Amino acid sequence: MAEKLEILSRYRNISSSKELEEAIKNDRVAEHPSWEDLIVIENLEEKIKRLDKEIGNIETLSGT
């Protein structure tokens, strides 16, 4: 999560991968390196989702 926030902090008034993608498409930010940053953020978001799911599974199994 910290890495995602660090990347997003490079872009003024952008707080999500969707906002970054829109800014790239609308030429509000330069395509390079923002496309690379967007790919990294999207990969991080997928990892976060998988981890959240695993935490939920562990909590279910442990009864908490």
PDB file of N, CA and C in Angstrom:
ATOM      1  N   MET A   1       0.832  -1.188   0.000  1.00  0.00           N
ATOM      2  CA  MET A   1       0.000   0.000   0.000  1.00  0.00           C
ATOM      3  C   MET A   1       0.876   1.251   0.000  1.00  0.00           C
ATOM      4  N   ALA A   2       1.957   1.216   0.760  1.00  0.00           N
ATOM      5  CA  ALA A   2       2.847   2.379   0.822  1.00  0.00           C
ATOM      6  C   ALA A   2       3.460   2.664  -0.541  1.00  0.00           C
ATOM      7  N   GLU A   3       3.833   1.620  -1.267  1.00  0.00           N
ATOM      8  CA  GLU A   3       4.412   1.810  -2.597  1.00  0.00           C
ATOM      9  C   GLU A   3       3.387   2.435  -3.546  1.00  0.00           C
ATOM     10  N   LYS A   4       2.149   1.981  -3.470  1.00  0.00           N
ATOM     11  CA  LYS A   4       1.080   2.536  -4.303  1.00  0.00           C
ATOM     12  C   LYS A   4       0.910   4.025  -3.997  1.00  0.00           C
ATOM     13  N   LEU A   5       0.849   4.380  -2.726  1.00  0.00           N
ATOM     14  CA  LEU A   5       0.678   5.778  -2.339  1.00  0.00           C
ATOM     15  C   LEU A   5       1.866   6.638  -2.754  1.00  0.00           C
ATOM     16  N   GLU A   6       3.060   6.053  -2.690  1.00  0.00           N
ATOM     17  CA  GLU A   6       4.257   6.786  -3.092  1.00  0.00           C
ATOM     18  C   GLU A   6       4.200   7.110  -4.588  1.00  0.00           C
ATOM     19  N   ILE A   7       3.782   6.144  -5.392  1.00  0.00           N
ATOM     20  CA  ILE A   7       3.677   6.369  -6.834  1.00  0.00           C
ATOM     21  C   ILE A   7       2.618   7.421  -7.123  1.00  0.00           C
ATOM     22  N   LEU A   8       1.452   7.295  -6.505  1.00  0.00           N
ATOM     23  CA  LEU A   8       0.375   8.251  -6.755  1.00  0.00           C
ATOM     24  C   LEU A   8       0.745   9.662  -6.306  1.00  0.00           C
ATOM     25  N   SER A   9       1.613   9.772  -5.314  1.00  0.00           N
ATOM     26  CA  SER A   9       2.006  11.094  -4.823  1.00  0.00           C
ATOM     27  C   SER A   9       2.781  11.887  -5.880  1.00  0.00           C
ATOM     28  N   ARG A  10       3.261  11.221  -6.907  1.00  0.00           N
ATOM     29  CA  ARG A  10       3.977  11.903  -7.993  1.00  0.00           C
ATOM     30  C   ARG A  10       3.040  12.725  -8.878  1.00  0.00           C
ATOM     31  N   TYR A  11       1.747  12.437  -8.763  1.00  0.00           N
ATOM     32  CA  TYR A  11       0.773  13.061  -9.651  1.00  0.00           C
ATOM     33  C   TYR A  11      -0.190  13.920  -8.844  1.00  0.00           C
ATOM     34  N   ARG A  12      -0.257  15.179  -9.191  1.00  0.00           N
ATOM     35  CA  ARG A  12      -1.094  16.140  -8.482  1.00  0.00           C
ATOM     36  C   ARG A  12      -2.575  15.816  -8.680  1.00  0.00           C
ATOM     37  N   ASN A  13      -3.315  15.807  -7.585  1.00  0.00           N
ATOM     38  CA  ASN A  13      -4.771  15.608  -7.600  1.00  0.00           C
ATOM     39  C   ASN A  13      -5.205  14.250  -8.163  1.00  0.00           C
ATOM     40  N   ILE A  14      -4.349  13.244  -8.060  1.00  0.00           N
ATOM     41  CA  ILE A  14      -4.704  11.894  -8.505  1.00  0.00           C
ATOM     42  C   ILE A  14      -4.523  10.964  -7.323  1.00  0.00           C
ATOM     43  N   SER A  15      -5.610  10.221  -7.000  1.00  0.00           N
ATOM     44  CA  SER A  15      -5.546   9.375  -5.812  1.00  0.00           C
ATOM     45  C   SER A  15      -5.917   7.923  -6.078  1.00  0.00           C
ATOM     46  N   SER A  16      -6.056   7.544  -7.355  1.00  0.00           N
ATOM     47  CA  SER A  16      -6.386   6.153  -7.655  1.00  0.00           C
ATOM     48  C   SER A  16      -5.857   5.778  -9.033  1.00  0.00           C
ATOM     49  N   SER A  17      -5.795   4.482  -9.282  1.00  0.00           N
ATOM     50  CA  SER A  17      -5.330   4.020 -10.590  1.00  0.00           C
ATOM     51  C   SER A  17      -6.292   4.461 -11.685  1.00  0.00           C
ATOM     52  N   LYS A  18      -7.582   4.486 -11.381  1.00  0.00           N
ATOM     53  CA  LYS A  18      -8.565   4.918 -12.385  1.00  0.00           C
ATOM     54  C   LYS A  18      -8.368   6.385 -12.745  1.00  0.00           C
ATOM     55  N   GLU A  19      -8.107   7.213 -11.744  1.00  0.00           N
ATOM     56  CA  GLU A  19      -7.859   8.628 -12.006  1.00  0.00           C
ATOM     57  C   GLU A  19      -6.585   8.812 -12.827  1.00  0.00           C
ATOM     58  N   LEU A  20      -5.559   8.021 -12.522  1.00  0.00           N
ATOM     59  CA  LEU A  20      -4.312   8.116 -13.281  1.00  0.00           C
ATOM     60  C   LEU A  20      -4.539   7.695 -14.729  1.00  0.00           C
ATOM     61  N   GLU A  21      -5.275   6.628 -14.928  1.00  0.00           N
ATOM     62  CA  GLU A  21      -5.556   6.174 -16.288  1.00  0.00           C
ATOM     63  C   GLU A  21      -6.315   7.245 -17.079  1.00  0.00           C
ATOM     64  N   GLU A  22      -7.300   7.859 -16.454  1.00  0.00           N
ATOM     65  CA  GLU A  22      -8.055   8.921 -17.116  1.00  0.00           C
ATOM     66  C   GLU A  22      -7.159  10.118 -17.432  1.00  0.00           C
ATOM     67  N   ALA A  23      -6.278  10.463 -16.508  1.00  0.00           N
ATOM     68  CA  ALA A  23      -5.370  11.589 -16.732  1.00  0.00           C
ATOM     69  C   ALA A  23      -4.437  11.309 -17.909  1.00  0.00           C
ATOM     70  N   ILE A  24      -3.996  10.071 -18.035  1.00  0.00           N
ATOM     71  CA  ILE A  24      -3.140   9.706 -19.168  1.00  0.00           C
ATOM     72  C   ILE A  24      -3.934   9.810 -20.463  1.00  0.00           C
ATOM     73  N   LYS A  25      -5.123   9.238 -20.474  1.00  0.00           N
ATOM     74  CA  LYS A  25      -5.959   9.241 -21.685  1.00  0.00           C
ATOM     75  C   LYS A  25      -6.331  10.650 -22.117  1.00  0.00           C
ATOM     76  N   ASN A  26      -6.500  11.554 -21.157  1.00  0.00           N
ATOM     77  CA  ASN A  26      -6.896  12.930 -21.454  1.00  0.00           C
ATOM     78  C   ASN A  26      -5.711  13.895 -21.553  1.00  0.00           C
ATOM     79  N   ASP A  27      -4.493  13.334 -21.634  1.00  0.00           N
ATOM     80  CA  ASP A  27      -3.259  14.123 -21.789  1.00  0.00           C
ATOM     81  C   ASP A  27      -3.025  15.122 -20.662  1.00  0.00           C
ATOM     82  N   ARG A  28      -3.514  14.805 -19.460  1.00  0.00           N
ATOM     83  CA  ARG A  28      -3.240  15.670 -18.311  1.00  0.00           C
ATOM     84  C   ARG A  28      -1.894  15.346 -17.676  1.00  0.00           C
ATOM     85  N   VAL A  29      -1.381  14.141 -17.950  1.00  0.00           N
ATOM     86  CA  VAL A  29      -0.036  13.752 -17.513  1.00  0.00           C
ATOM     87  C   VAL A  29       0.667  13.115 -18.707  1.00  0.00           C
ATOM     88  N   ALA A  30       1.978  13.175 -18.708  1.00  0.00           N
ATOM     89  CA  ALA A  30       2.756  12.587 -19.797  1.00  0.00           C
ATOM     90  C   ALA A  30       2.624  11.063 -19.775  1.00  0.00           C
ATOM     91  N   GLU A  31       2.569  10.473 -20.962  1.00  0.00           N
ATOM     92  CA  GLU A  31       2.409   9.019 -21.047  1.00  0.00           C
ATOM     93  C   GLU A  31       3.579   8.266 -20.413  1.00  0.00           C
ATOM     94  N   HIS A  32       4.768   8.839 -20.520  1.00  0.00           N
ATOM     95  CA  HIS A  32       5.930   8.169 -19.939  1.00  0.00           C
ATOM     96  C   HIS A  32       6.462   9.027 -18.820  1.00  0.00           C
ATOM     97  N   PRO A  33       6.614   8.540 -17.648  1.00  0.00           N
ATOM     98  CA  PRO A  33       6.545   7.149 -17.198  1.00  0.00           C
ATOM     99  C   PRO A  33       5.198   6.754 -16.584  1.00  0.00           C
ATOM    100  N   SER A  34       4.167   7.571 -16.779  1.00  0.00           N
ATOM    101  CA  SER A  34       2.908   7.306 -16.076  1.00  0.00           C
ATOM    102  C   SER A  34       2.275   5.969 -16.455  1.00  0.00           C
ATOM    103  N   TRP A  35       2.418   5.518 -17.715  1.00  0.00           N
ATOM    104  CA  TRP A  35       1.872   4.197 -18.071  1.00  0.00           C
ATOM    105  C   TRP A  35       2.557   3.106 -17.263  1.00  0.00           C
ATOM    106  N   GLU A  36       3.870   3.226 -17.119  1.00  0.00           N
ATOM    107  CA  GLU A  36       4.602   2.234 -16.326  1.00  0.00           C
ATOM    108  C   GLU A  36       4.147   2.272 -14.868  1.00  0.00           C
ATOM    109  N   ASP A  37       3.961   3.486 -14.348  1.00  0.00           N
ATOM    110  CA  ASP A  37       3.467   3.620 -12.974  1.00  0.00           C
ATOM    111  C   ASP A  37       2.081   3.003 -12.828  1.00  0.00           C
ATOM    112  N   LEU A  38       1.230   3.213 -13.824  1.00  0.00           N
ATOM    113  CA  LEU A  38      -0.117   2.652 -13.781  1.00  0.00           C
ATOM    114  C   LEU A  38      -0.066   1.122 -13.740  1.00  0.00           C
ATOM    115  N   ILE A  39       0.799   0.533 -14.532  1.00  0.00           N
ATOM    116  CA  ILE A  39       0.938  -0.931 -14.538  1.00  0.00           C
ATOM    117  C   ILE A  39       1.383  -1.424 -13.164  1.00  0.00           C
ATOM    118  N   VAL A  40       2.343  -0.751 -12.569  1.00  0.00           N
ATOM    119  CA  VAL A  40       2.821  -1.134 -11.237  1.00  0.00           C
ATOM    120  C   VAL A  40       1.692  -1.023 -10.219  1.00  0.00           C
ATOM    121  N   ILE A  41       0.942   0.069 -10.261  1.00  0.00           N
ATOM    122  CA  ILE A  41      -0.158   0.272  -9.318  1.00  0.00           C
ATOM    123  C   ILE A  41      -1.211  -0.818  -9.486  1.00  0.00           C
ATOM    124  N   GLU A  42      -1.577  -1.119 -10.722  1.00  0.00           N
ATOM    125  CA  GLU A  42      -2.584  -2.157 -10.955  1.00  0.00           C
ATOM    126  C   GLU A  42      -2.107  -3.516 -10.444  1.00  0.00           C
ATOM    127  N   ASN A  43      -0.833  -3.818 -10.625  1.00  0.00           N
ATOM    128  CA  ASN A  43      -0.291  -5.073 -10.087  1.00  0.00           C
ATOM    129  C   ASN A  43      -0.319  -5.073  -8.559  1.00  0.00           C
ATOM    130  N   LEU A  44       0.011  -3.951  -7.958  1.00  0.00           N
ATOM    131  CA  LEU A  44      -0.043  -3.842  -6.502  1.00  0.00           C
ATOM    132  C   LEU A  44      -1.473  -4.015  -5.987  1.00  0.00           C
ATOM    133  N   GLU A  45      -2.443  -3.427  -6.697  1.00  0.00           N
ATOM    134  CA  GLU A  45      -3.840  -3.554  -6.284  1.00  0.00           C
ATOM    135  C   GLU A  45      -4.296  -5.016  -6.340  1.00  0.00           C
ATOM    136  N   GLU A  46      -3.850  -5.739  -7.343  1.00  0.00           N
ATOM    137  CA  GLU A  46      -4.196  -7.162  -7.435  1.00  0.00           C
ATOM    138  C   GLU A  46      -3.586  -7.945  -6.279  1.00  0.00           C
ATOM    139  N   LYS A  47      -2.349  -7.636  -5.941  1.00  0.00           N
ATOM    140  CA  LYS A  47      -1.701  -8.300  -4.802  1.00  0.00           C
ATOM    141  C   LYS A  47      -2.446  -7.992  -3.511  1.00  0.00           C
ATOM    142  N   ILE A  48      -2.867  -6.744  -3.340  1.00  0.00           N
ATOM    143  CA  ILE A  48      -3.608  -6.347  -2.146  1.00  0.00           C
ATOM    144  C   ILE A  48      -4.926  -7.113  -2.066  1.00  0.00           C
ATOM    145  N   LYS A  49      -5.632  -7.239  -3.192  1.00  0.00           N
ATOM    146  CA  LYS A  49      -6.889  -7.991  -3.214  1.00  0.00           C
ATOM    147  C   LYS A  49      -6.664  -9.449  -2.825  1.00  0.00           C
ATOM    148  N   ARG A  50      -5.611 -10.051  -3.371  1.00  0.00           N
ATOM    149  CA  ARG A  50      -5.322 -11.457  -3.036  1.00  0.00           C
ATOM    150  C   ARG A  50      -4.995 -11.609  -1.553  1.00  0.00           C
ATOM    151  N   LEU A  51      -4.212 -10.688  -1.019  1.00  0.00           N
ATOM    152  CA  LEU A  51      -3.863 -10.740   0.398  1.00  0.00           C
ATOM    153  C   LEU A  51      -5.093 -10.556   1.283  1.00  0.00           C
ATOM    154  N   ASP A  52      -5.954  -9.608   0.917  1.00  0.00           N
ATOM    155  CA  ASP A  52      -7.190  -9.392   1.677  1.00  0.00           C
ATOM    156  C   ASP A  52      -8.055 -10.660   1.669  1.00  0.00           C
ATOM    157  N   LYS A  53      -8.125 -11.310   0.521  1.00  0.00           N
ATOM    158  CA  LYS A  53      -8.904 -12.540   0.412  1.00  0.00           C
ATOM    159  C   LYS A  53      -8.305 -13.634   1.301  1.00  0.00           C
ATOM    160  N   GLU A  54      -6.996 -13.771   1.276  1.00  0.00           N
ATOM    161  CA  GLU A  54      -6.337 -14.770   2.111  1.00  0.00           C
ATOM    162  C   GLU A  54      -6.535 -14.473   3.596  1.00  0.00           C
ATOM    163  N   ILE A  55      -6.456 -13.209   3.968  1.00  0.00           N
ATOM    164  CA  ILE A  55      -6.703 -12.830   5.365  1.00  0.00           C
ATOM    165  C   ILE A  55      -8.129 -13.197   5.750  1.00  0.00           C
ATOM    166  N   GLY A  56      -9.069 -12.931   4.864  1.00  0.00           N
ATOM    167  CA  GLY A  56     -10.471 -13.310   5.125  1.00  0.00           C
ATOM    168  C   GLY A  56     -10.622 -14.807   5.290  1.00  0.00           C
ATOM    169  N   ASN A  57      -9.927 -15.574   4.460  1.00  0.00           N
ATOM    170  CA  ASN A  57      -9.983 -17.037   4.567  1.00  0.00           C
ATOM    171  C   ASN A  57      -9.417 -17.512   5.902  1.00  0.00           C
ATOM    172  N   ILE A  58      -8.315 -16.913   6.310  1.00  0.00           N
ATOM    173  CA  ILE A  58      -7.693 -17.298   7.589  1.00  0.00           C
ATOM    174  C   ILE A  58      -8.618 -16.948   8.738  1.00  0.00           C
ATOM    175  N   GLU A  59      -9.225 -15.762   8.686  1.00  0.00           N
ATOM    176  CA  GLU A  59     -10.137 -15.352   9.754  1.00  0.00           C
ATOM    177  C   GLU A  59     -11.352 -16.294   9.824  1.00  0.00           C
ATOM    178  N   THR A  60     -11.851 -16.700   8.660  1.00  0.00           N
ATOM    179  CA  THR A  60     -12.985 -17.630   8.624  1.00  0.00           C
ATOM    180  C   THR A  60     -12.601 -18.961   9.243  1.00  0.00           C
ATOM    181  N   LEU A  61     -11.430 -19.460   8.885  1.00  0.00           N
ATOM    182  CA  LEU A  61     -10.970 -20.742   9.419  1.00  0.00           C
ATOM    183  C   LEU A  61     -10.706 -20.706  10.916  1.00  0.00           C
ATOM    184  N   SER A  62     -10.237 -19.554  11.384  1.00  0.00           N
ATOM    185  CA  SER A  62      -9.923 -19.462  12.809  1.00  0.00           C
ATOM    186  C   SER A  62     -11.132 -19.053  13.629  1.00  0.00           C
ATOM    187  N   GLY A  63     -12.215 -18.657  12.967  1.00  0.00           N
ATOM    188  CA  GLY A  63     -13.427 -18.302  13.691  1.00  0.00           C
ATOM    189  C   GLY A  63     -13.437 -16.906  14.263  1.00  0.00           C
ATOM    190  N   THR A  64     -12.572 -16.042  13.766  1.00  0.00           N
ATOM    191  CA  THR A  64     -12.552 -14.654  14.272  1.00  0.00           C
ATOM    192  C   THR A  64     -13.178 -13.719  13.294  1.00  0.00           C
TER     193      THR A  64
END
